[in-house]
Amino acid sequence: MSINTNAASLPQLRQSPADSQLSEAARFVQYAMLDEIPALVFALMTLVYIVSSLWSLA
């Protein structure tokens, strides 16, 4: 019984030319924007909670 290990291997990822054109500053900006999304969602949820709580008290 022989086993072919090449069939179960992961394909090689190749870097596209568009990826290599991104500068280090552009990559930092993309990361910074993605890093801020959870904080913005949390702030929006908190604001909605506060406004709805005050609305229910009135």
PDB file of N, CA and C in Angstrom:
ATOM      1  N   MET A   1       0.846  -1.165   0.000  1.00  0.00           N
ATOM      2  CA  MET A   1       0.000   0.000   0.000  1.00  0.00           C
ATOM      3  C   MET A   1       0.898   1.236   0.000  1.00  0.00           C
ATOM      4  N   SER A   2       0.733   2.084  -1.006  1.00  0.00           N
ATOM      5  CA  SER A   2       1.545   3.300  -1.088  1.00  0.00           C
ATOM      6  C   SER A   2       0.661   4.526  -0.844  1.00  0.00           C
ATOM      7  N   ILE A   3       1.274   5.531  -0.280  1.00  0.00           N
ATOM      8  CA  ILE A   3       0.553   6.761   0.043  1.00  0.00           C
ATOM      9  C   ILE A   3       1.184   7.903  -0.730  1.00  0.00           C
ATOM     10  N   ASN A   4       0.325   8.696  -1.372  1.00  0.00           N
ATOM     11  CA  ASN A   4       0.806   9.845  -2.124  1.00  0.00           C
ATOM     12  C   ASN A   4       0.636  11.091  -1.264  1.00  0.00           C
ATOM     13  N   THR A   5       1.720  11.644  -0.748  1.00  0.00           N
ATOM     14  CA  THR A   5       1.637  12.807   0.129  1.00  0.00           C
ATOM     15  C   THR A   5       1.545  14.112  -0.657  1.00  0.00           C
ATOM     16  N   ASN A   6       1.856  14.109  -1.925  1.00  0.00           N
ATOM     17  CA  ASN A   6       1.789  15.334  -2.720  1.00  0.00           C
ATOM     18  C   ASN A   6       0.349  15.771  -2.963  1.00  0.00           C
ATOM     19  N   ALA A   7      -0.582  14.846  -2.999  1.00  0.00           N
ATOM     20  CA  ALA A   7      -1.975  15.197  -3.272  1.00  0.00           C
ATOM     21  C   ALA A   7      -2.599  15.962  -2.106  1.00  0.00           C
ATOM     22  N   ALA A   8      -2.123  15.780  -0.904  1.00  0.00           N
ATOM     23  CA  ALA A   8      -2.703  16.424   0.271  1.00  0.00           C
ATOM     24  C   ALA A   8      -2.016  17.729   0.649  1.00  0.00           C
ATOM     25  N   SER A   9      -1.035  18.168  -0.108  1.00  0.00           N
ATOM     26  CA  SER A   9      -0.310  19.385   0.245  1.00  0.00           C
ATOM     27  C   SER A   9      -1.108  20.625  -0.145  1.00  0.00           C
ATOM     28  N   LEU A  10      -0.825  21.719   0.525  1.00  0.00           N
ATOM     29  CA  LEU A  10      -1.494  22.977   0.239  1.00  0.00           C
ATOM     30  C   LEU A  10      -0.873  23.622  -0.993  1.00  0.00           C
ATOM     31  N   PRO A  11      -1.668  24.317  -1.771  1.00  0.00           N
ATOM     32  CA  PRO A  11      -1.099  24.990  -2.947  1.00  0.00           C
ATOM     33  C   PRO A  11      -0.208  26.153  -2.516  1.00  0.00           C
ATOM     34  N   GLN A  12       0.762  26.439  -3.318  1.00  0.00           N
ATOM     35  CA  GLN A  12       1.669  27.542  -3.029  1.00  0.00           C
ATOM     36  C   GLN A  12       0.967  28.866  -3.305  1.00  0.00           C
ATOM     37  N   LEU A  13       1.103  29.813  -2.376  1.00  0.00           N
ATOM     38  CA  LEU A  13       0.530  31.129  -2.566  1.00  0.00           C
ATOM     39  C   LEU A  13       1.535  32.007  -3.293  1.00  0.00           C
ATOM     40  N   ARG A  14       1.062  32.627  -4.339  1.00  0.00           N
ATOM     41  CA  ARG A  14       1.945  33.515  -5.095  1.00  0.00           C
ATOM     42  C   ARG A  14       1.531  34.950  -4.839  1.00  0.00           C
ATOM     43  N   GLN A  15       2.515  35.806  -4.753  1.00  0.00           N
ATOM     44  CA  GLN A  15       2.237  37.210  -4.531  1.00  0.00           C
ATOM     45  C   GLN A  15       1.927  37.849  -5.879  1.00  0.00           C
ATOM     46  N   SER A  16       0.785  38.512  -5.956  1.00  0.00           N
ATOM     47  CA  SER A  16       0.387  39.136  -7.208  1.00  0.00           C
ATOM     48  C   SER A  16       1.150  40.448  -7.396  1.00  0.00           C
ATOM     49  N   PRO A  17       1.252  40.910  -8.631  1.00  0.00           N
ATOM     50  CA  PRO A  17       1.939  42.196  -8.860  1.00  0.00           C
ATOM     51  C   PRO A  17       1.257  43.364  -8.152  1.00  0.00           C
ATOM     52  N   ALA A  18      -0.065  43.292  -7.973  1.00  0.00           N
ATOM     53  CA  ALA A  18      -0.759  44.384  -7.286  1.00  0.00           C
ATOM     54  C   ALA A  18      -0.346  44.456  -5.824  1.00  0.00           C
ATOM     55  N   ASP A  19      -0.062  43.324  -5.193  1.00  0.00           N
ATOM     56  CA  ASP A  19       0.360  43.315  -3.797  1.00  0.00           C
ATOM     57  C   ASP A  19       1.744  43.928  -3.623  1.00  0.00           C
ATOM     58  N   SER A  20       2.599  43.710  -4.579  1.00  0.00           N
ATOM     59  CA  SER A  20       3.957  44.224  -4.447  1.00  0.00           C
ATOM     60  C   SER A  20       4.013  45.728  -4.693  1.00  0.00           C
ATOM     61  N   GLN A  21       2.958  46.307  -5.287  1.00  0.00           N
ATOM     62  CA  GLN A  21       2.960  47.740  -5.561  1.00  0.00           C
ATOM     63  C   GLN A  21       2.531  48.559  -4.346  1.00  0.00           C
ATOM     64  N   LEU A  22       1.956  47.920  -3.354  1.00  0.00           N
ATOM     65  CA  LEU A  22       1.546  48.656  -2.164  1.00  0.00           C
ATOM     66  C   LEU A  22       2.769  49.089  -1.361  1.00  0.00           C
ATOM     67  N   SER A  23       2.775  50.342  -1.002  1.00  0.00           N
ATOM     68  CA  SER A  23       3.892  50.819  -0.203  1.00  0.00           C
ATOM     69  C   SER A  23       3.670  50.458   1.261  1.00  0.00           C
ATOM     70  N   GLU A  24       4.689  50.641   2.038  1.00  0.00           N
ATOM     71  CA  GLU A  24       4.591  50.348   3.473  1.00  0.00           C
ATOM     72  C   GLU A  24       3.590  51.288   4.146  1.00  0.00           C
ATOM     73  N   ALA A  25       3.534  52.527   3.693  1.00  0.00           N
ATOM     74  CA  ALA A  25       2.579  53.480   4.264  1.00  0.00           C
ATOM     75  C   ALA A  25       1.147  53.077   3.961  1.00  0.00           C
ATOM     76  N   ALA A  26       0.890  52.583   2.754  1.00  0.00           N
ATOM     77  CA  ALA A  26      -0.464  52.160   2.388  1.00  0.00           C
ATOM     78  C   ALA A  26      -0.883  50.946   3.200  1.00  0.00           C
ATOM     79  N   ARG A  27       0.031  50.042   3.448  1.00  0.00           N
ATOM     80  CA  ARG A  27      -0.287  48.876   4.275  1.00  0.00           C
ATOM     81  C   ARG A  27      -0.585  49.290   5.706  1.00  0.00           C
ATOM     82  N   PHE A  28       0.137  50.273   6.224  1.00  0.00           N
ATOM     83  CA  PHE A  28      -0.112  50.765   7.577  1.00  0.00           C
ATOM     84  C   PHE A  28      -1.485  51.417   7.678  1.00  0.00           C
ATOM     85  N   VAL A  29      -1.846  52.200   6.662  1.00  0.00           N
ATOM     86  CA  VAL A  29      -3.154  52.866   6.660  1.00  0.00           C
ATOM     87  C   VAL A  29      -4.271  51.835   6.618  1.00  0.00           C
ATOM     88  N   GLN A  30      -4.117  50.798   5.797  1.00  0.00           N
ATOM     89  CA  GLN A  30      -5.133  49.747   5.721  1.00  0.00           C
ATOM     90  C   GLN A  30      -5.267  49.046   7.067  1.00  0.00           C
ATOM     91  N   TYR A  31      -4.162  48.738   7.708  1.00  0.00           N
ATOM     92  CA  TYR A  31      -4.206  48.081   9.013  1.00  0.00           C
ATOM     93  C   TYR A  31      -4.840  48.994  10.046  1.00  0.00           C
ATOM     94  N   ALA A  32      -4.493  50.275  10.025  1.00  0.00           N
ATOM     95  CA  ALA A  32      -5.030  51.209  11.006  1.00  0.00           C
ATOM     96  C   ALA A  32      -6.542  51.341  10.849  1.00  0.00           C
ATOM     97  N   MET A  33      -7.030  51.361   9.626  1.00  0.00           N
ATOM     98  CA  MET A  33      -8.471  51.458   9.401  1.00  0.00           C
ATOM     99  C   MET A  33      -9.171  50.208   9.905  1.00  0.00           C
ATOM    100  N   LEU A  34      -8.610  49.039   9.641  1.00  0.00           N
ATOM    101  CA  LEU A  34      -9.217  47.803  10.106  1.00  0.00           C
ATOM    102  C   LEU A  34      -9.138  47.677  11.618  1.00  0.00           C
ATOM    103  N   ASP A  35      -8.124  48.266  12.190  1.00  0.00           N
ATOM    104  CA  ASP A  35      -7.956  48.211  13.639  1.00  0.00           C
ATOM    105  C   ASP A  35      -8.987  49.073  14.352  1.00  0.00           C
ATOM    106  N   GLU A  36      -9.471  50.134  13.708  1.00  0.00           N
ATOM    107  CA  GLU A  36     -10.407  51.060  14.327  1.00  0.00           C
ATOM    108  C   GLU A  36     -11.864  50.627  14.194  1.00  0.00           C
ATOM    109  N   ILE A  37     -12.183  49.703  13.309  1.00  0.00           N
ATOM    110  CA  ILE A  37     -13.574  49.308  13.073  1.00  0.00           C
ATOM    111  C   ILE A  37     -14.245  48.759  14.336  1.00  0.00           C
ATOM    112  N   PRO A  38     -13.628  47.842  15.098  1.00  0.00           N
ATOM    113  CA  PRO A  38     -14.294  47.365  16.321  1.00  0.00           C
ATOM    114  C   PRO A  38     -14.571  48.483  17.323  1.00  0.00           C
ATOM    115  N   ALA A  39     -13.675  49.443  17.440  1.00  0.00           N
ATOM    116  CA  ALA A  39     -13.895  50.552  18.365  1.00  0.00           C
ATOM    117  C   ALA A  39     -15.064  51.417  17.906  1.00  0.00           C
ATOM    118  N   LEU A  40     -15.195  51.628  16.610  1.00  0.00           N
ATOM    119  CA  LEU A  40     -16.313  52.418  16.102  1.00  0.00           C
ATOM    120  C   LEU A  40     -17.642  51.700  16.314  1.00  0.00           C
ATOM    121  N   VAL A  41     -17.655  50.393  16.118  1.00  0.00           N
ATOM    122  CA  VAL A  41     -18.885  49.620  16.347  1.00  0.00           C
ATOM    123  C   VAL A  41     -19.269  49.672  17.819  1.00  0.00           C
ATOM    124  N   PHE A  42     -18.306  49.515  18.700  1.00  0.00           N
ATOM    125  CA  PHE A  42     -18.579  49.579  20.136  1.00  0.00           C
ATOM    126  C   PHE A  42     -19.088  50.950  20.537  1.00  0.00           C
ATOM    127  N   ALA A  43     -18.493  51.998  19.997  1.00  0.00           N
ATOM    128  CA  ALA A  43     -18.933  53.357  20.318  1.00  0.00           C
ATOM    129  C   ALA A  43     -20.356  53.592  19.831  1.00  0.00           C
ATOM    130  N   LEU A  44     -20.682  53.100  18.656  1.00  0.00           N
ATOM    131  CA  LEU A  44     -22.035  53.260  18.129  1.00  0.00           C
ATOM    132  C   LEU A  44     -23.051  52.498  18.978  1.00  0.00           C
ATOM    133  N   MET A  45     -22.707  51.275  19.372  1.00  0.00           N
ATOM    134  CA  MET A  45     -23.609  50.495  20.219  1.00  0.00           C
ATOM    135  C   MET A  45     -23.817  51.180  21.574  1.00  0.00           C
ATOM    136  N   THR A  46     -22.760  51.741  22.141  1.00  0.00           N
ATOM    137  CA  THR A  46     -22.858  52.434  23.418  1.00  0.00           C
ATOM    138  C   THR A  46     -23.738  53.674  23.285  1.00  0.00           C
ATOM    139  N   LEU A  47     -23.558  54.414  22.218  1.00  0.00           N
ATOM    140  CA  LEU A  47     -24.364  55.605  21.995  1.00  0.00           C
ATOM    141  C   LEU A  47     -25.841  55.257  21.832  1.00  0.00           C
ATOM    142  N   VAL A  48     -26.139  54.215  21.087  1.00  0.00           N
ATOM    143  CA  VAL A  48     -27.527  53.773  20.917  1.00  0.00           C
ATOM    144  C   VAL A  48     -28.105  53.338  22.255  1.00  0.00           C
ATOM    145  N   TYR A  49     -27.331  52.639  23.070  1.00  0.00           N
ATOM    146  CA  TYR A  49     -27.804  52.201  24.387  1.00  0.00           C
ATOM    147  C   TYR A  49     -28.114  53.395  25.289  1.00  0.00           C
ATOM    148  N   ILE A  50     -27.227  54.369  25.308  1.00  0.00           N
ATOM    149  CA  ILE A  50     -27.437  55.543  26.170  1.00  0.00           C
ATOM    150  C   ILE A  50     -28.665  56.323  25.716  1.00  0.00           C
ATOM    151  N   VAL A  51     -28.783  56.547  24.420  1.00  0.00           N
ATOM    152  CA  VAL A  51     -29.923  57.312  23.905  1.00  0.00           C
ATOM    153  C   VAL A  51     -31.221  56.568  24.156  1.00  0.00           C
ATOM    154  N   SER A  52     -31.240  55.255  23.938  1.00  0.00           N
ATOM    155  CA  SER A  52     -32.474  54.497  24.171  1.00  0.00           C
ATOM    156  C   SER A  52     -32.808  54.438  25.656  1.00  0.00           C
ATOM    157  N   SER A  53     -31.837  54.394  26.540  1.00  0.00           N
ATOM    158  CA  SER A  53     -32.098  54.402  27.981  1.00  0.00           C
ATOM    159  C   SER A  53     -32.676  55.735  28.424  1.00  0.00           C
ATOM    160  N   LEU A  54     -32.111  56.821  27.922  1.00  0.00           N
ATOM    161  CA  LEU A  54     -32.645  58.133  28.254  1.00  0.00           C
ATOM    162  C   LEU A  54     -34.042  58.322  27.663  1.00  0.00           C
ATOM    163  N   TRP A  55     -34.262  57.785  26.486  1.00  0.00           N
ATOM    164  CA  TRP A  55     -35.575  57.880  25.845  1.00  0.00           C
ATOM    165  C   TRP A  55     -36.641  57.142  26.658  1.00  0.00           C
ATOM    166  N   SER A  56     -36.268  55.988  27.219  1.00  0.00           N
ATOM    167  CA  SER A  56     -37.238  55.215  28.003  1.00  0.00           C
ATOM    168  C   SER A  56     -37.526  55.869  29.352  1.00  0.00           C
ATOM    169  N   LEU A  57     -36.610  56.673  29.881  1.00  0.00           N
ATOM    170  CA  LEU A  57     -36.845  57.380  31.141  1.00  0.00           C
ATOM    171  C   LEU A  57     -37.782  58.566  30.971  1.00  0.00           C
ATOM    172  N   ALA A  58     -37.826  59.119  29.781  1.00  0.00           N
ATOM    173  CA  ALA A  58     -38.644  60.340  29.551  1.00  0.00           C
ATOM    174  C   ALA A  58     -40.117  60.022  29.437  1.00  0.00           C
TER     175      ALA A  58
END
